[in-house]
């Protein structure tokens, strides 16, 4: 009605804790974030091997 929402995770500090852990480790905590990170790593490793073969 007024745009007010309630989040138990926010109230307990879980969201902030997950953010701090993600920033320190460099590993995302969300499903989409993990998928992007894995995809980027695979693509980077494939491109890296192609660069090495050209030399």
N, C-alpha and C. Protein backbone atom coordinates (compact mmCIF):
# COMPACT_ATOMS: atom_id res chain seq x y z
N UNK A 1 0.81 -1.19 0.00
CA UNK A 1 0.00 0.00 0.00
C UNK A 1 0.86 1.25 0.00
N UNK A 2 1.85 1.32 0.90
CA UNK A 2 2.68 2.51 0.99
C UNK A 2 4.11 2.24 0.51
N UNK A 3 4.34 1.06 -0.05
CA UNK A 3 5.68 0.72 -0.51
C UNK A 3 6.58 0.25 0.61
N UNK A 4 6.00 -0.12 1.72
CA UNK A 4 6.78 -0.60 2.87
C UNK A 4 6.83 -2.12 2.81
N UNK A 5 8.02 -2.66 2.97
CA UNK A 5 8.16 -4.12 2.97
C UNK A 5 8.99 -4.53 4.18
N UNK A 6 8.89 -5.78 4.53
CA UNK A 6 9.61 -6.30 5.68
C UNK A 6 10.43 -7.50 5.25
N UNK A 7 11.66 -7.57 5.70
CA UNK A 7 12.52 -8.70 5.38
C UNK A 7 13.18 -9.20 6.66
N UNK A 8 12.87 -10.42 7.00
CA UNK A 8 13.46 -11.02 8.19
C UNK A 8 14.98 -11.17 8.03
N UNK A 9 15.42 -11.52 6.83
CA UNK A 9 16.86 -11.67 6.58
C UNK A 9 17.60 -10.36 6.80
N UNK A 10 17.00 -9.25 6.35
CA UNK A 10 17.62 -7.94 6.54
C UNK A 10 17.66 -7.60 8.03
N UNK A 11 16.56 -7.89 8.73
CA UNK A 11 16.48 -7.56 10.14
C UNK A 11 17.52 -8.34 10.94
N UNK A 12 17.74 -9.58 10.61
CA UNK A 12 18.70 -10.41 11.33
C UNK A 12 20.14 -10.18 10.88
N UNK A 13 20.33 -9.45 9.79
CA UNK A 13 21.68 -9.15 9.32
C UNK A 13 22.26 -10.19 8.40
N UNK A 14 21.44 -11.12 7.95
CA UNK A 14 21.94 -12.20 7.08
C UNK A 14 22.37 -11.64 5.73
N UNK A 15 21.59 -10.72 5.19
CA UNK A 15 21.92 -10.14 3.88
C UNK A 15 23.27 -9.42 3.93
N UNK A 16 23.49 -8.65 4.96
CA UNK A 16 24.76 -7.93 5.10
C UNK A 16 25.93 -8.87 5.27
N UNK A 17 25.73 -9.93 6.05
CA UNK A 17 26.79 -10.91 6.27
C UNK A 17 27.17 -11.61 4.97
N UNK A 18 26.16 -11.99 4.18
CA UNK A 18 26.42 -12.62 2.90
C UNK A 18 27.19 -11.69 1.97
N UNK A 19 26.84 -10.40 2.00
CA UNK A 19 27.54 -9.42 1.17
C UNK A 19 29.00 -9.30 1.59
N UNK A 20 29.26 -9.24 2.88
CA UNK A 20 30.64 -9.13 3.37
C UNK A 20 31.47 -10.36 2.98
N UNK A 21 30.87 -11.54 3.13
CA UNK A 21 31.59 -12.77 2.77
C UNK A 21 31.89 -12.79 1.27
N UNK A 22 30.91 -12.40 0.46
CA UNK A 22 31.10 -12.40 -0.99
C UNK A 22 32.21 -11.45 -1.40
N UNK A 23 32.25 -10.29 -0.79
CA UNK A 23 33.28 -9.31 -1.14
C UNK A 23 34.67 -9.78 -0.74
N UNK A 24 34.78 -10.41 0.44
CA UNK A 24 36.11 -10.87 0.90
C UNK A 24 36.61 -12.06 0.10
N UNK A 25 35.73 -13.01 -0.21
CA UNK A 25 36.16 -14.22 -0.90
C UNK A 25 36.16 -14.07 -2.41
N UNK A 26 35.36 -13.14 -2.92
CA UNK A 26 35.25 -12.97 -4.36
C UNK A 26 34.32 -13.98 -5.00
N UNK A 27 33.60 -14.74 -4.16
CA UNK A 27 32.66 -15.73 -4.66
C UNK A 27 31.25 -15.26 -4.35
N UNK A 28 30.41 -15.13 -5.37
CA UNK A 28 29.05 -14.68 -5.13
C UNK A 28 28.22 -15.71 -4.38
N UNK A 29 27.19 -15.23 -3.67
CA UNK A 29 26.33 -16.12 -2.89
C UNK A 29 25.02 -16.44 -3.60
N UNK A 30 24.75 -15.77 -4.71
CA UNK A 30 23.50 -16.02 -5.41
C UNK A 30 23.72 -17.05 -6.51
N UNK A 31 22.65 -17.73 -6.90
CA UNK A 31 22.74 -18.74 -7.95
C UNK A 31 23.21 -18.11 -9.26
N UNK A 32 22.61 -16.97 -9.61
CA UNK A 32 23.01 -16.29 -10.85
C UNK A 32 24.44 -15.82 -10.81
N UNK A 33 24.88 -15.34 -9.67
CA UNK A 33 26.25 -14.88 -9.53
C UNK A 33 27.26 -16.00 -9.67
N UNK A 34 26.95 -17.14 -9.09
CA UNK A 34 27.83 -18.30 -9.21
C UNK A 34 27.90 -18.77 -10.66
N UNK A 35 26.74 -18.80 -11.33
CA UNK A 35 26.72 -19.22 -12.74
C UNK A 35 27.54 -18.28 -13.61
N UNK A 36 27.44 -16.99 -13.37
CA UNK A 36 28.23 -16.02 -14.15
C UNK A 36 29.72 -16.21 -13.89
N UNK A 37 30.08 -16.41 -12.63
CA UNK A 37 31.49 -16.58 -12.27
C UNK A 37 32.07 -17.85 -12.91
N UNK A 38 31.34 -18.94 -12.85
CA UNK A 38 31.80 -20.21 -13.43
C UNK A 38 31.92 -20.06 -14.95
N UNK A 39 30.92 -19.46 -15.58
CA UNK A 39 30.94 -19.27 -17.03
C UNK A 39 32.12 -18.42 -17.46
N UNK A 40 32.36 -17.34 -16.73
CA UNK A 40 33.47 -16.45 -17.06
C UNK A 40 34.80 -17.17 -16.91
N UNK A 41 34.93 -18.00 -15.87
CA UNK A 41 36.17 -18.74 -15.63
C UNK A 41 36.42 -19.74 -16.75
N UNK A 42 35.37 -20.44 -17.17
CA UNK A 42 35.51 -21.42 -18.25
C UNK A 42 35.91 -20.73 -19.55
N UNK A 43 35.24 -19.65 -19.89
CA UNK A 43 35.55 -18.93 -21.12
C UNK A 43 36.97 -18.37 -21.08
N UNK A 44 37.35 -17.79 -19.94
CA UNK A 44 38.71 -17.26 -19.81
C UNK A 44 39.75 -18.35 -19.96
N UNK A 45 39.49 -19.52 -19.39
CA UNK A 45 40.48 -20.60 -19.50
C UNK A 45 40.57 -21.11 -20.94
N UNK A 46 39.45 -21.15 -21.65
CA UNK A 46 39.48 -21.57 -23.05
C UNK A 46 40.25 -20.56 -23.91
N UNK A 47 40.00 -19.29 -23.68
CA UNK A 47 40.70 -18.26 -24.44
C UNK A 47 42.18 -18.24 -24.10
N UNK A 48 42.51 -18.52 -22.86
CA UNK A 48 43.90 -18.55 -22.43
C UNK A 48 44.65 -19.68 -23.13
N UNK A 49 44.05 -20.84 -23.28
CA UNK A 49 44.73 -21.96 -23.94
C UNK A 49 44.90 -21.67 -25.42
N UNK A 50 43.95 -20.99 -26.03
CA UNK A 50 44.08 -20.65 -27.44
C UNK A 50 45.22 -19.65 -27.65
N UNK A 51 45.37 -18.71 -26.71
CA UNK A 51 46.45 -17.74 -26.80
C UNK A 51 47.79 -18.42 -26.69
N UNK A 52 47.90 -19.39 -25.79
CA UNK A 52 49.15 -20.10 -25.59
C UNK A 52 49.54 -20.93 -26.81
N UNK A 53 48.57 -21.51 -27.48
CA UNK A 53 48.85 -22.33 -28.66
C UNK A 53 49.37 -21.50 -29.83
N UNK A 54 48.95 -20.25 -29.92
CA UNK A 54 49.37 -19.39 -31.02
C UNK A 54 50.82 -18.99 -30.94
N UNK A 55 51.37 -18.95 -29.74
CA UNK A 55 52.75 -18.50 -29.56
C UNK A 55 53.73 -19.44 -30.09
